[in-house]
Amino acid sequence: MNHQRLFIPGSAGKLQAIFQPGVDARPAVVICHPHPLYGGTMRNKVVYWMARAFEEQGCAVLRFNFRGVEQSEGAWDDGVGESDDARCALDWLNRRLPAAPLWMAGFSFGCYAGLRAAFGDDRVARLFAVSPAVEHYDFSFMTANGRPLTVVQGSADEVVPASAVMRWAEQVPRARLKLIEGAGHFYPNHQHALQQALR
């Protein structure tokens, strides 16, 4: 892998990022990490596994730290500013690879920030949500979704109950739920099942 460590511009200052160039004509994917106040960063193992699943398919992948995380400038903004950070990541990736289909993916809180950023953005062709934090944030805006959404959820999730995610996914147009039996929120023994579900 040819991971490039760099900074991208954000509305609250520069955002620390890792970029993996992809193969021509393959999609370009932004991946959003879990909750910053609970230790979430772009180096989270689930985010890393997600990135590798896309990278191994030839996709370009941009992981980044939300404002106030590690070397990213700014401060926690209760999901509002973080959604704006995700929009800035989409903008950067689209400028870098204007011909590539643009995809958005997130894990846990990162699903909220990422899906909010992608909502109404016609450039984003496909969405991915891994263990979306539907009991902690208002995801009701997704009932107006018009793009393919892959939802990956562990049946033994100890943070976001699978039943809540299943109810939410049933209300989202074009959502396809992939339930991984026995998997917890961080997929400790289900890395390969997670990656296969994304593929």
N, C-alpha and C. Protein backbone atom coordinates (compact mmCIF):
# COMPACT_ATOMS: atom_id res chain seq x y z
N MET A 1 0.83 -1.18 0.00
CA MET A 1 0.00 0.00 0.00
C MET A 1 0.88 1.25 0.00
N ASN A 2 0.37 2.28 -0.65
CA ASN A 2 1.11 3.54 -0.78
C ASN A 2 0.39 4.64 -0.01
N HIS A 3 0.23 4.45 1.28
CA HIS A 3 -0.50 5.42 2.10
C HIS A 3 0.27 6.74 2.19
N GLN A 4 -0.44 7.82 1.93
CA GLN A 4 0.15 9.15 2.01
C GLN A 4 -0.43 9.87 3.22
N ARG A 5 0.44 10.38 4.08
CA ARG A 5 0.01 11.13 5.26
C ARG A 5 0.04 12.61 4.92
N LEU A 6 -1.08 13.28 5.11
CA LEU A 6 -1.19 14.66 4.67
C LEU A 6 -2.23 15.40 5.50
N PHE A 7 -2.44 16.67 5.16
CA PHE A 7 -3.47 17.49 5.78
C PHE A 7 -4.37 18.04 4.68
N ILE A 8 -5.68 18.06 4.97
CA ILE A 8 -6.62 18.62 4.02
C ILE A 8 -7.30 19.83 4.68
N PRO A 9 -7.76 20.79 3.90
CA PRO A 9 -8.39 21.97 4.50
C PRO A 9 -9.79 21.67 5.05
N GLY A 10 -10.05 22.19 6.25
CA GLY A 10 -11.38 22.07 6.85
C GLY A 10 -11.86 23.45 7.27
N SER A 11 -13.13 23.58 7.58
CA SER A 11 -13.67 24.88 7.93
C SER A 11 -13.18 25.38 9.29
N ALA A 12 -12.70 24.46 10.14
CA ALA A 12 -12.17 24.85 11.45
C ALA A 12 -10.66 24.74 11.50
N GLY A 13 -10.02 24.56 10.34
CA GLY A 13 -8.58 24.40 10.27
C GLY A 13 -8.22 23.12 9.54
N LYS A 14 -6.94 22.84 9.50
CA LYS A 14 -6.48 21.68 8.74
C LYS A 14 -6.89 20.38 9.43
N LEU A 15 -7.16 19.35 8.60
CA LEU A 15 -7.57 18.04 9.08
C LEU A 15 -6.50 17.01 8.72
N GLN A 16 -6.05 16.28 9.70
CA GLN A 16 -5.06 15.23 9.49
C GLN A 16 -5.70 14.07 8.74
N ALA A 17 -4.98 13.52 7.75
CA ALA A 17 -5.59 12.48 6.91
C ALA A 17 -4.56 11.47 6.43
N ILE A 18 -5.07 10.33 6.00
CA ILE A 18 -4.28 9.29 5.32
C ILE A 18 -5.00 8.98 4.02
N PHE A 19 -4.26 9.05 2.92
CA PHE A 19 -4.83 8.85 1.60
C PHE A 19 -4.14 7.70 0.90
N GLN A 20 -4.96 6.81 0.35
CA GLN A 20 -4.45 5.71 -0.47
C GLN A 20 -4.92 5.91 -1.90
N PRO A 21 -4.03 6.23 -2.84
CA PRO A 21 -4.46 6.34 -4.24
C PRO A 21 -5.00 5.01 -4.74
N GLY A 22 -5.94 5.07 -5.66
CA GLY A 22 -6.54 3.86 -6.19
C GLY A 22 -6.20 3.63 -7.64
N VAL A 23 -6.94 2.72 -8.25
CA VAL A 23 -6.78 2.38 -9.66
C VAL A 23 -7.73 3.26 -10.47
N ASP A 24 -7.29 3.67 -11.64
CA ASP A 24 -8.12 4.52 -12.50
C ASP A 24 -9.51 3.93 -12.70
N ALA A 25 -10.51 4.80 -12.62
CA ALA A 25 -11.92 4.47 -12.85
C ALA A 25 -12.58 3.74 -11.68
N ARG A 26 -11.81 3.40 -10.64
CA ARG A 26 -12.42 2.79 -9.46
C ARG A 26 -12.95 3.89 -8.55
N PRO A 27 -13.91 3.59 -7.67
CA PRO A 27 -14.47 4.62 -6.79
C PRO A 27 -13.45 5.20 -5.82
N ALA A 28 -13.77 6.40 -5.33
CA ALA A 28 -13.00 7.08 -4.30
C ALA A 28 -13.87 7.15 -3.06
N VAL A 29 -13.35 6.69 -1.93
CA VAL A 29 -14.16 6.49 -0.72
C VAL A 29 -13.63 7.35 0.43
N VAL A 30 -14.53 8.08 1.08
CA VAL A 30 -14.23 8.76 2.35
C VAL A 30 -14.73 7.87 3.47
N ILE A 31 -13.90 7.67 4.51
CA ILE A 31 -14.31 6.87 5.67
C ILE A 31 -14.23 7.74 6.92
N CYS A 32 -15.33 7.77 7.68
CA CYS A 32 -15.44 8.58 8.89
C CYS A 32 -15.32 7.71 10.15
N HIS A 33 -14.52 8.16 11.09
CA HIS A 33 -14.22 7.36 12.28
C HIS A 33 -15.24 7.54 13.41
N PRO A 34 -15.18 6.68 14.45
CA PRO A 34 -16.16 6.75 15.54
C PRO A 34 -15.93 7.97 16.46
N HIS A 35 -16.72 8.04 17.50
CA HIS A 35 -16.85 9.22 18.35
C HIS A 35 -15.51 9.69 18.93
N PRO A 36 -15.13 10.93 18.66
CA PRO A 36 -13.84 11.44 19.14
C PRO A 36 -13.72 11.48 20.66
N LEU A 37 -14.82 11.72 21.37
CA LEU A 37 -14.74 11.84 22.82
C LEU A 37 -14.60 10.49 23.51
N TYR A 38 -14.72 9.41 22.74
CA TYR A 38 -14.55 8.06 23.28
C TYR A 38 -13.35 7.36 22.63
N GLY A 39 -12.41 8.15 22.19
CA GLY A 39 -11.16 7.60 21.66
C GLY A 39 -11.17 7.30 20.17
N GLY A 40 -12.21 7.70 19.46
CA GLY A 40 -12.28 7.42 18.03
C GLY A 40 -11.30 8.25 17.22
N THR A 41 -10.56 7.59 16.34
CA THR A 41 -9.66 8.26 15.40
C THR A 41 -9.68 7.50 14.08
N MET A 42 -9.00 8.07 13.09
CA MET A 42 -8.91 7.40 11.79
C MET A 42 -8.07 6.13 11.87
N ARG A 43 -7.38 5.92 13.00
CA ARG A 43 -6.56 4.72 13.20
C ARG A 43 -7.33 3.62 13.91
N ASN A 44 -8.59 3.84 14.22
CA ASN A 44 -9.44 2.82 14.81
C ASN A 44 -9.38 1.55 13.97
N LYS A 45 -9.32 0.40 14.64
CA LYS A 45 -9.10 -0.85 13.88
C LYS A 45 -10.24 -1.16 12.92
N VAL A 46 -11.49 -0.83 13.29
CA VAL A 46 -12.60 -1.10 12.37
C VAL A 46 -12.49 -0.20 11.14
N VAL A 47 -12.13 1.06 11.35
CA VAL A 47 -11.92 1.98 10.23
C VAL A 47 -10.80 1.47 9.33
N TYR A 48 -9.74 0.99 9.95
CA TYR A 48 -8.61 0.43 9.18
C TYR A 48 -9.07 -0.77 8.36
N TRP A 49 -9.83 -1.68 8.97
CA TRP A 49 -10.31 -2.86 8.24
C TRP A 49 -11.22 -2.44 7.09
N MET A 50 -12.06 -1.45 7.34
CA MET A 50 -12.92 -0.94 6.27
C MET A 50 -12.08 -0.40 5.13
N ALA A 51 -11.08 0.40 5.48
CA ALA A 51 -10.21 0.98 4.45
C ALA A 51 -9.54 -0.10 3.62
N ARG A 52 -9.04 -1.13 4.28
CA ARG A 52 -8.36 -2.20 3.55
C ARG A 52 -9.31 -2.93 2.62
N ALA A 53 -10.55 -3.12 3.03
CA ALA A 53 -11.53 -3.80 2.18
C ALA A 53 -11.72 -3.03 0.87
N PHE A 54 -11.82 -1.71 0.97
CA PHE A 54 -11.98 -0.89 -0.24
C PHE A 54 -10.67 -0.81 -1.03
N GLU A 55 -9.56 -0.65 -0.32
CA GLU A 55 -8.26 -0.52 -1.00
C GLU A 55 -7.94 -1.78 -1.81
N GLU A 56 -8.27 -2.94 -1.26
CA GLU A 56 -7.98 -4.20 -1.95
C GLU A 56 -8.83 -4.39 -3.20
N GLN A 57 -9.89 -3.57 -3.34
CA GLN A 57 -10.70 -3.59 -4.55
C GLN A 57 -10.24 -2.52 -5.55
N GLY A 58 -9.15 -1.85 -5.23
CA GLY A 58 -8.60 -0.83 -6.12
C GLY A 58 -9.16 0.56 -5.92
N CYS A 59 -9.97 0.75 -4.87
CA CYS A 59 -10.54 2.07 -4.60
C CYS A 59 -9.49 3.00 -4.01
N ALA A 60 -9.64 4.29 -4.29
CA ALA A 60 -8.90 5.31 -3.55
C ALA A 60 -9.63 5.52 -2.24
N VAL A 61 -8.88 5.68 -1.14
CA VAL A 61 -9.51 5.79 0.17
C VAL A 61 -8.91 6.96 0.94
N LEU A 62 -9.77 7.79 1.50
CA LEU A 62 -9.36 8.90 2.36
C LEU A 62 -9.93 8.68 3.75
N ARG A 63 -9.03 8.48 4.72
CA ARG A 63 -9.41 8.49 6.14
C ARG A 63 -8.92 9.82 6.71
N PHE A 64 -9.64 10.37 7.66
CA PHE A 64 -9.21 11.64 8.24
C PHE A 64 -9.66 11.72 9.69
N ASN A 65 -9.03 12.58 10.46
CA ASN A 65 -9.42 12.83 11.84
C ASN A 65 -10.34 14.04 11.91
N PHE A 66 -11.45 13.86 12.61
CA PHE A 66 -12.34 15.00 12.83
C PHE A 66 -11.62 16.11 13.59
N ARG A 67 -12.18 17.29 13.55
CA ARG A 67 -11.62 18.45 14.23
C ARG A 67 -11.32 18.13 15.70
N GLY A 68 -10.13 18.56 16.12
CA GLY A 68 -9.72 18.37 17.51
C GLY A 68 -9.13 17.02 17.83
N VAL A 69 -9.06 16.13 16.86
CA VAL A 69 -8.52 14.78 17.09
C VAL A 69 -7.07 14.71 16.60
N GLU A 70 -6.17 14.27 17.49
CA GLU A 70 -4.74 14.18 17.17
C GLU A 70 -4.26 15.51 16.60
N GLN A 71 -3.82 15.55 15.35
CA GLN A 71 -3.26 16.78 14.79
C GLN A 71 -4.26 17.62 14.00
N SER A 72 -5.53 17.23 13.99
CA SER A 72 -6.55 18.04 13.31
C SER A 72 -6.88 19.26 14.17
N GLU A 73 -7.01 20.39 13.54
CA GLU A 73 -7.30 21.63 14.25
C GLU A 73 -8.80 21.74 14.56
N GLY A 74 -9.14 22.64 15.48
CA GLY A 74 -10.53 22.84 15.85
C GLY A 74 -10.88 22.10 17.13
N ALA A 75 -12.17 22.06 17.46
CA ALA A 75 -12.65 21.42 18.69
C ALA A 75 -13.97 20.71 18.41
N TRP A 76 -14.27 19.73 19.25
CA TRP A 76 -15.49 18.94 19.15
C TRP A 76 -16.71 19.85 19.00
N ASP A 77 -17.62 19.51 18.08
CA ASP A 77 -18.77 20.37 17.80
C ASP A 77 -20.08 19.58 17.76
N ASP A 78 -20.16 18.53 18.57
CA ASP A 78 -21.41 17.78 18.78
C ASP A 78 -22.03 17.24 17.50
N GLY A 79 -21.19 16.89 16.55
CA GLY A 79 -21.67 16.26 15.32
C GLY A 79 -21.93 17.22 14.19
N VAL A 80 -22.19 18.50 14.51
CA VAL A 80 -22.47 19.49 13.46
C VAL A 80 -21.20 19.83 12.69
N GLY A 81 -20.17 20.25 13.41
CA GLY A 81 -18.90 20.55 12.77
C GLY A 81 -18.26 19.33 12.15
N GLU A 82 -18.47 18.18 12.77
CA GLU A 82 -17.88 16.95 12.25
C GLU A 82 -18.50 16.57 10.90
N SER A 83 -19.80 16.83 10.75
CA SER A 83 -20.44 16.63 9.44
C SER A 83 -19.82 17.56 8.40
N ASP A 84 -19.52 18.76 8.82
CA ASP A 84 -18.86 19.70 7.92
C ASP A 84 -17.45 19.22 7.56
N ASP A 85 -16.76 18.63 8.53
CA ASP A 85 -15.44 18.04 8.24
C ASP A 85 -15.57 16.97 7.16
N ALA A 86 -16.60 16.14 7.27
CA ALA A 86 -16.81 15.08 6.28
C ALA A 86 -17.11 15.67 4.90
N ARG A 87 -17.85 16.79 4.87
CA ARG A 87 -18.09 17.46 3.59
C ARG A 87 -16.79 17.97 2.99
N CYS A 88 -15.93 18.51 3.84
CA CYS A 88 -14.62 18.99 3.36
C CYS A 88 -13.79 17.84 2.81
N ALA A 89 -13.89 16.66 3.45
CA ALA A 89 -13.18 15.48 2.95
C ALA A 89 -13.71 15.06 1.58
N LEU A 90 -15.03 15.09 1.42
CA LEU A 90 -15.62 14.79 0.11
C LEU A 90 -15.13 15.78 -0.95
N ASP A 91 -15.11 17.05 -0.58
CA ASP A 91 -14.66 18.08 -1.52
C ASP A 91 -13.22 17.84 -1.95
N TRP A 92 -12.36 17.54 -0.97
CA TRP A 92 -10.94 17.32 -1.27
C TRP A 92 -10.77 16.12 -2.20
N LEU A 93 -11.45 15.03 -1.87
CA LEU A 93 -11.30 13.81 -2.66
C LEU A 93 -11.85 14.00 -4.07
N ASN A 94 -12.95 14.73 -4.19
CA ASN A 94 -13.53 14.99 -5.51
C ASN A 94 -12.63 15.88 -6.36
N ARG A 95 -11.97 16.85 -5.73
CA ARG A 95 -11.01 17.68 -6.47
C ARG A 95 -9.80 16.85 -6.89
N ARG A 96 -9.37 15.95 -6.03
CA ARG A 96 -8.20 15.11 -6.32
C ARG A 96 -8.49 14.12 -7.45
N LEU A 97 -9.72 13.56 -7.43
CA LEU A 97 -10.09 12.52 -8.41
C LEU A 97 -11.45 12.86 -9.00
N PRO A 98 -11.55 13.88 -9.82
CA PRO A 98 -12.85 14.35 -10.30
C PRO A 98 -13.61 13.35 -11.17
N ALA A 99 -12.92 12.40 -11.77
CA ALA A 99 -13.59 11.43 -12.64
C ALA A 99 -14.04 10.18 -11.90
N ALA A 100 -13.63 10.02 -10.65
CA ALA A 100 -13.94 8.80 -9.90
C ALA A 100 -15.32 8.88 -9.25
N PRO A 101 -16.10 7.80 -9.27
CA PRO A 101 -17.34 7.77 -8.49
C PRO A 101 -17.01 8.00 -7.01
N LEU A 102 -17.82 8.79 -6.33
CA LEU A 102 -17.54 9.17 -4.94
C LEU A 102 -18.46 8.38 -4.01
N TRP A 103 -17.86 7.72 -3.02
CA TRP A 103 -18.59 6.95 -2.04
C TRP A 103 -18.31 7.49 -0.64
N MET A 104 -19.27 7.30 0.28
CA MET A 104 -19.10 7.69 1.68
C MET A 104 -19.34 6.49 2.58
N ALA A 105 -18.44 6.31 3.56
CA ALA A 105 -18.58 5.21 4.52
C ALA A 105 -18.29 5.73 5.93
N GLY A 106 -18.88 5.11 6.92
CA GLY A 106 -18.63 5.51 8.29
C GLY A 106 -18.83 4.36 9.25
N PHE A 107 -18.24 4.52 10.44
CA PHE A 107 -18.38 3.53 11.51
C PHE A 107 -18.93 4.23 12.75
N SER A 108 -20.04 3.71 13.30
CA SER A 108 -20.64 4.18 14.53
C SER A 108 -21.02 5.67 14.41
N PHE A 109 -20.47 6.54 15.26
CA PHE A 109 -20.75 7.98 15.12
C PHE A 109 -20.37 8.48 13.73
N GLY A 110 -19.31 7.91 13.16
CA GLY A 110 -18.87 8.32 11.83
C GLY A 110 -19.94 8.15 10.77
N CYS A 111 -20.88 7.22 11.00
CA CYS A 111 -22.00 7.07 10.06
C CYS A 111 -22.86 8.32 10.07
N TYR A 112 -23.13 8.85 11.27
CA TYR A 112 -23.96 10.05 11.37
C TYR A 112 -23.30 11.22 10.66
N ALA A 113 -22.05 11.49 10.98
CA ALA A 113 -21.35 12.62 10.36
C ALA A 113 -21.24 12.43 8.86
N GLY A 114 -20.90 11.21 8.43
CA GLY A 114 -20.71 10.96 7.01
C GLY A 114 -22.00 11.00 6.22
N LEU A 115 -23.06 10.37 6.73
CA LEU A 115 -24.33 10.37 6.01
C LEU A 115 -24.94 11.77 5.96
N ARG A 116 -24.78 12.54 7.04
CA ARG A 116 -25.25 13.92 7.01
C ARG A 116 -24.51 14.73 5.95
N ALA A 117 -23.22 14.50 5.85
CA ALA A 117 -22.42 15.22 4.85
C ALA A 117 -22.82 14.83 3.43
N ALA A 118 -23.13 13.55 3.23
CA ALA A 118 -23.46 13.06 1.89
C ALA A 118 -24.90 13.36 1.50
N PHE A 119 -25.76 13.63 2.50
CA PHE A 119 -27.16 13.85 2.21
C PHE A 119 -27.32 15.11 1.34
N GLY A 120 -27.99 14.94 0.22
CA GLY A 120 -28.19 16.07 -0.68
C GLY A 120 -27.01 16.37 -1.59
N ASP A 121 -25.92 15.60 -1.45
CA ASP A 121 -24.74 15.80 -2.30
C ASP A 121 -24.83 14.81 -3.47
N ASP A 122 -25.18 15.32 -4.63
CA ASP A 122 -25.40 14.46 -5.79
C ASP A 122 -24.12 13.79 -6.30
N ARG A 123 -22.98 14.26 -5.83
CA ARG A 123 -21.72 13.64 -6.26
C ARG A 123 -21.54 12.25 -5.65
N VAL A 124 -22.15 12.00 -4.50
CA VAL A 124 -21.95 10.75 -3.78
C VAL A 124 -22.91 9.69 -4.31
N ALA A 125 -22.35 8.61 -4.84
CA ALA A 125 -23.15 7.61 -5.53
C ALA A 125 -23.58 6.45 -4.65
N ARG A 126 -22.82 6.16 -3.59
CA ARG A 126 -23.10 4.97 -2.77
C ARG A 126 -22.68 5.24 -1.33
N LEU A 127 -23.41 4.62 -0.40
CA LEU A 127 -23.21 4.86 1.03
C LEU A 127 -22.99 3.54 1.77
N PHE A 128 -22.18 3.61 2.84
CA PHE A 128 -21.90 2.44 3.67
C PHE A 128 -21.96 2.86 5.13
N ALA A 129 -22.70 2.12 5.94
CA ALA A 129 -22.82 2.41 7.36
C ALA A 129 -22.54 1.16 8.17
N VAL A 130 -21.48 1.19 8.95
CA VAL A 130 -21.11 0.07 9.81
C VAL A 130 -21.49 0.42 11.25
N SER A 131 -22.38 -0.36 11.83
CA SER A 131 -22.85 -0.14 13.20
C SER A 131 -23.27 1.30 13.45
N PRO A 132 -24.21 1.82 12.66
CA PRO A 132 -24.62 3.23 12.80
C PRO A 132 -25.24 3.50 14.18
N ALA A 133 -24.84 4.60 14.78
CA ALA A 133 -25.25 4.93 16.16
C ALA A 133 -26.67 5.51 16.18
N VAL A 134 -27.63 4.71 15.75
CA VAL A 134 -29.00 5.22 15.55
C VAL A 134 -29.72 5.54 16.85
N GLU A 135 -29.26 5.00 17.99
CA GLU A 135 -29.89 5.31 19.27
C GLU A 135 -29.28 6.53 19.94
N HIS A 136 -28.22 7.06 19.35
CA HIS A 136 -27.51 8.20 19.95
C HIS A 136 -27.65 9.48 19.13
N TYR A 137 -27.97 9.34 17.85
CA TYR A 137 -28.11 10.50 16.96
C TYR A 137 -29.35 10.30 16.09
N ASP A 138 -29.87 11.40 15.59
CA ASP A 138 -31.09 11.38 14.78
C ASP A 138 -30.75 11.09 13.32
N PHE A 139 -31.04 9.88 12.90
CA PHE A 139 -30.79 9.45 11.53
C PHE A 139 -32.05 9.52 10.67
N SER A 140 -33.10 10.19 11.14
CA SER A 140 -34.38 10.17 10.42
C SER A 140 -34.29 10.82 9.04
N PHE A 141 -33.31 11.69 8.83
CA PHE A 141 -33.15 12.31 7.51
C PHE A 141 -32.94 11.28 6.42
N MET A 142 -32.47 10.10 6.78
CA MET A 142 -32.18 9.08 5.78
C MET A 142 -33.45 8.43 5.20
N THR A 143 -34.60 8.74 5.75
CA THR A 143 -35.84 8.20 5.16
C THR A 143 -36.09 8.81 3.78
N ALA A 144 -35.36 9.87 3.45
CA ALA A 144 -35.46 10.47 2.11
C ALA A 144 -34.29 10.05 1.22
N ASN A 145 -33.58 9.02 1.64
CA ASN A 145 -32.41 8.56 0.89
C ASN A 145 -32.81 8.01 -0.49
N GLY A 146 -31.98 8.31 -1.48
CA GLY A 146 -32.26 7.79 -2.82
C GLY A 146 -31.13 6.98 -3.40
N ARG A 147 -30.07 6.76 -2.61
CA ARG A 147 -28.89 6.06 -3.14
C ARG A 147 -28.69 4.72 -2.44
N PRO A 148 -28.01 3.79 -3.09
CA PRO A 148 -27.76 2.50 -2.44
C PRO A 148 -27.01 2.68 -1.12
N LEU A 149 -27.51 2.05 -0.06
CA LEU A 149 -26.89 2.11 1.26
C LEU A 149 -26.69 0.69 1.76
N THR A 150 -25.44 0.34 2.04
CA THR A 150 -25.12 -0.95 2.65
C THR A 150 -24.95 -0.73 4.14
N VAL A 151 -25.74 -1.43 4.96
CA VAL A 151 -25.66 -1.34 6.41
C VAL A 151 -25.09 -2.66 6.93
N VAL A 152 -23.99 -2.57 7.68
CA VAL A 152 -23.37 -3.75 8.28
C VAL A 152 -23.55 -3.64 9.79
N GLN A 153 -24.06 -4.71 10.40
CA GLN A 153 -24.36 -4.67 11.82
C GLN A 153 -24.07 -6.01 12.47
N GLY A 154 -23.48 -5.97 13.66
CA GLY A 154 -23.26 -7.19 14.43
C GLY A 154 -24.48 -7.54 15.26
N SER A 155 -24.83 -8.81 15.33
CA SER A 155 -26.01 -9.22 16.09
C SER A 155 -25.80 -9.09 17.59
N ALA A 156 -24.53 -9.08 18.04
CA ALA A 156 -24.22 -9.00 19.47
C ALA A 156 -23.62 -7.65 19.84
N ASP A 157 -23.97 -6.61 19.09
CA ASP A 157 -23.45 -5.27 19.35
C ASP A 157 -23.85 -4.80 20.75
N GLU A 158 -22.87 -4.44 21.55
CA GLU A 158 -23.11 -4.03 22.93
C GLU A 158 -23.27 -2.52 23.08
N VAL A 159 -23.09 -1.76 21.99
CA VAL A 159 -23.21 -0.30 22.01
C VAL A 159 -24.48 0.15 21.30
N VAL A 160 -24.71 -0.39 20.13
CA VAL A 160 -25.91 -0.07 19.34
C VAL A 160 -26.68 -1.37 19.11
N PRO A 161 -27.82 -1.56 19.75
CA PRO A 161 -28.56 -2.82 19.61
C PRO A 161 -28.90 -3.13 18.15
N ALA A 162 -28.69 -4.36 17.77
CA ALA A 162 -28.98 -4.77 16.40
C ALA A 162 -30.45 -4.53 16.06
N SER A 163 -31.34 -4.71 17.02
CA SER A 163 -32.77 -4.52 16.76
C SER A 163 -33.07 -3.09 16.35
N ALA A 164 -32.37 -2.12 16.96
CA ALA A 164 -32.59 -0.70 16.62
C ALA A 164 -32.09 -0.41 15.21
N VAL A 165 -30.95 -0.97 14.86
CA VAL A 165 -30.41 -0.75 13.52
C VAL A 165 -31.29 -1.42 12.48
N MET A 166 -31.81 -2.58 12.78
CA MET A 166 -32.69 -3.28 11.84
C MET A 166 -33.97 -2.49 11.60
N ARG A 167 -34.56 -1.93 12.68
CA ARG A 167 -35.77 -1.12 12.52
C ARG A 167 -35.49 0.11 11.66
N TRP A 168 -34.35 0.74 11.91
CA TRP A 168 -33.98 1.93 11.13
C TRP A 168 -33.78 1.57 9.66
N ALA A 169 -33.04 0.50 9.41
CA ALA A 169 -32.74 0.12 8.02
C ALA A 169 -34.01 -0.19 7.24
N GLU A 170 -35.03 -0.72 7.92
CA GLU A 170 -36.30 -1.02 7.25
C GLU A 170 -37.00 0.24 6.75
N GLN A 171 -36.70 1.38 7.37
CA GLN A 171 -37.35 2.64 7.01
C GLN A 171 -36.57 3.44 5.96
N VAL A 172 -35.37 2.98 5.62
CA VAL A 172 -34.51 3.73 4.70
C VAL A 172 -34.61 3.13 3.30
N PRO A 173 -35.07 3.91 2.33
CA PRO A 173 -35.14 3.39 0.96
C PRO A 173 -33.76 2.96 0.46
N ARG A 174 -33.74 1.86 -0.25
CA ARG A 174 -32.53 1.33 -0.90
C ARG A 174 -31.47 0.86 0.08
N ALA A 175 -31.84 0.67 1.35
CA ALA A 175 -30.89 0.14 2.33
C ALA A 175 -30.85 -1.38 2.24
N ARG A 176 -29.66 -1.92 2.33
CA ARG A 176 -29.48 -3.38 2.33
C ARG A 176 -28.71 -3.75 3.59
N LEU A 177 -29.33 -4.49 4.49
CA LEU A 177 -28.73 -4.83 5.77
C LEU A 177 -27.99 -6.16 5.68
N LYS A 178 -26.76 -6.15 6.19
CA LYS A 178 -25.96 -7.36 6.29
C LYS A 178 -25.67 -7.59 7.77
N LEU A 179 -26.35 -8.56 8.37
CA LEU A 179 -26.21 -8.86 9.79
C LEU A 179 -25.14 -9.92 9.98
N ILE A 180 -24.16 -9.63 10.83
CA ILE A 180 -23.08 -10.57 11.10
C ILE A 180 -23.34 -11.22 12.46
N GLU A 181 -23.66 -12.48 12.43
CA GLU A 181 -24.03 -13.20 13.65
C GLU A 181 -22.86 -13.27 14.64
N GLY A 182 -23.16 -12.89 15.88
CA GLY A 182 -22.18 -12.99 16.96
C GLY A 182 -21.21 -11.84 17.05
N ALA A 183 -21.26 -10.90 16.13
CA ALA A 183 -20.29 -9.81 16.11
C ALA A 183 -20.69 -8.71 17.08
N GLY A 184 -19.70 -8.21 17.85
CA GLY A 184 -19.90 -7.07 18.73
C GLY A 184 -19.65 -5.77 17.98
N HIS A 185 -19.72 -4.66 18.70
CA HIS A 185 -19.62 -3.34 18.07
C HIS A 185 -18.28 -3.15 17.35
N PHE A 186 -17.22 -3.71 17.91
CA PHE A 186 -15.88 -3.50 17.33
C PHE A 186 -15.40 -4.71 16.53
N TYR A 187 -16.29 -5.68 16.30
CA TYR A 187 -16.01 -6.83 15.42
C TYR A 187 -14.70 -7.53 15.78
N PRO A 188 -14.46 -7.81 17.09
CA PRO A 188 -13.14 -8.33 17.48
C PRO A 188 -12.76 -9.65 16.83
N ASN A 189 -13.74 -10.51 16.58
CA ASN A 189 -13.45 -11.81 15.97
C ASN A 189 -14.13 -11.97 14.62
N HIS A 190 -14.51 -10.84 14.02
CA HIS A 190 -15.28 -10.91 12.78
C HIS A 190 -14.75 -9.94 11.74
N GLN A 191 -13.45 -9.71 11.75
CA GLN A 191 -12.84 -8.81 10.79
C GLN A 191 -13.15 -9.20 9.36
N HIS A 192 -12.95 -10.47 9.04
CA HIS A 192 -13.11 -10.91 7.66
C HIS A 192 -14.58 -10.87 7.22
N ALA A 193 -15.48 -11.17 8.12
CA ALA A 193 -16.91 -11.09 7.80
C ALA A 193 -17.31 -9.65 7.53
N LEU A 194 -16.77 -8.72 8.31
CA LEU A 194 -17.02 -7.30 8.09
C LEU A 194 -16.54 -6.88 6.71
N GLN A 195 -15.32 -7.26 6.40
CA GLN A 195 -14.76 -6.86 5.10
C GLN A 195 -15.50 -7.49 3.94
N GLN A 196 -15.92 -8.74 4.09
CA GLN A 196 -16.68 -9.39 3.03
C GLN A 196 -18.02 -8.73 2.83
N ALA A 197 -18.66 -8.31 3.93
CA ALA A 197 -19.94 -7.64 3.83
C ALA A 197 -19.81 -6.32 3.04
N LEU A 198 -18.72 -5.61 3.25
CA LEU A 198 -18.49 -4.37 2.52
C LEU A 198 -18.22 -4.65 1.04
N ARG A 199 -17.47 -5.69 0.76
CA ARG A 199 -17.17 -6.03 -0.64
C ARG A 199 -18.43 -6.42 -1.40
